[in-house]
């Protein structure tokens, strides 16, 4: 049995983003859209074990862009 979500998508509704794994609030719609583009472009995002890590990597990369 396939344990993957068929196709995980992060969806921005204004500054709010709903994902299969969590809900986030951003300061602007452009930040919300940037997050969605980042996570939705990862080919392993639909894997429930990897998807939340992809989301957290976005925030780590924003906090430490030169590392």
Protein backbone atom coordinates (compact mmCIF):
# COMPACT_ATOMS: atom_id res chain seq x y z
CA UNK A 1 0.00 0.00 0.00
CA UNK A 2 1.33 3.43 -0.94
CA UNK A 3 1.85 5.56 2.15
CA UNK A 4 2.37 8.76 0.17
CA UNK A 5 -0.24 11.44 -0.14
CA UNK A 6 -1.23 11.39 -3.81
CA UNK A 7 0.03 14.93 -4.42
CA UNK A 8 0.81 17.17 -1.48
CA UNK A 9 0.21 20.84 -2.15
CA UNK A 10 0.79 23.90 -0.05
CA UNK A 11 -1.94 26.41 -0.88
CA UNK A 12 -1.75 30.12 -0.08
CA UNK A 13 -4.94 31.95 0.82
CA UNK A 14 -3.70 35.49 1.26
CA UNK A 15 -1.06 35.38 4.01
CA UNK A 16 -2.26 32.01 5.32
CA UNK A 17 -0.81 28.79 3.92
CA UNK A 18 -2.42 25.42 4.48
CA UNK A 19 -0.36 22.32 3.85
CA UNK A 20 -1.11 18.64 4.43
CA UNK A 21 1.22 18.88 7.42
CA UNK A 22 0.60 22.27 9.07
CA UNK A 23 -0.82 25.79 8.80
CA UNK A 24 1.39 28.89 8.56
CA UNK A 25 0.77 32.64 8.68
CA UNK A 26 3.11 34.95 6.75
CA UNK A 27 3.55 38.72 6.85
CA UNK A 28 2.73 39.12 3.17
CA UNK A 29 1.10 37.26 0.31
CA UNK A 30 4.40 37.28 -1.58
CA UNK A 31 6.13 35.44 1.30
CA UNK A 32 3.28 32.93 1.43
CA UNK A 33 3.55 32.36 -2.33
CA UNK A 34 7.34 31.99 -2.10
CA UNK A 35 6.91 29.30 0.57
CA UNK A 36 4.37 27.44 -1.59
CA UNK A 37 6.64 27.56 -4.62
CA UNK A 38 9.56 26.25 -2.55
CA UNK A 39 7.78 23.27 -1.00
CA UNK A 40 5.62 22.38 -4.01
CA UNK A 41 8.70 22.22 -6.25
CA UNK A 42 10.35 19.51 -4.13
CA UNK A 43 9.72 16.09 -5.71
CA UNK A 44 9.63 14.35 -2.30
CA UNK A 45 7.17 16.78 -0.68
CA UNK A 46 4.30 14.27 -0.93
CA UNK A 47 6.13 11.78 1.29
CA UNK A 48 4.68 12.28 4.81
CA UNK A 49 8.10 11.59 6.33
CA UNK A 50 9.85 14.16 4.12
CA UNK A 51 7.19 16.85 3.58
CA UNK A 52 7.44 18.43 7.05
CA UNK A 53 11.23 18.48 6.74
CA UNK A 54 10.96 20.31 3.41
CA UNK A 55 8.76 22.91 5.12
CA UNK A 56 11.25 23.39 7.95
CA UNK A 57 14.14 23.62 5.48
CA UNK A 58 12.43 26.64 3.90
CA UNK A 59 12.55 28.50 7.23
CA UNK A 60 16.12 27.41 7.96
CA UNK A 61 17.22 28.62 4.51
CA UNK A 62 15.47 31.96 5.11
CA UNK A 63 17.14 32.37 8.53
CA UNK A 64 20.61 31.32 7.33
CA UNK A 65 20.77 32.11 3.61
CA UNK A 66 24.57 31.97 3.34
CA UNK A 67 25.03 28.55 4.91
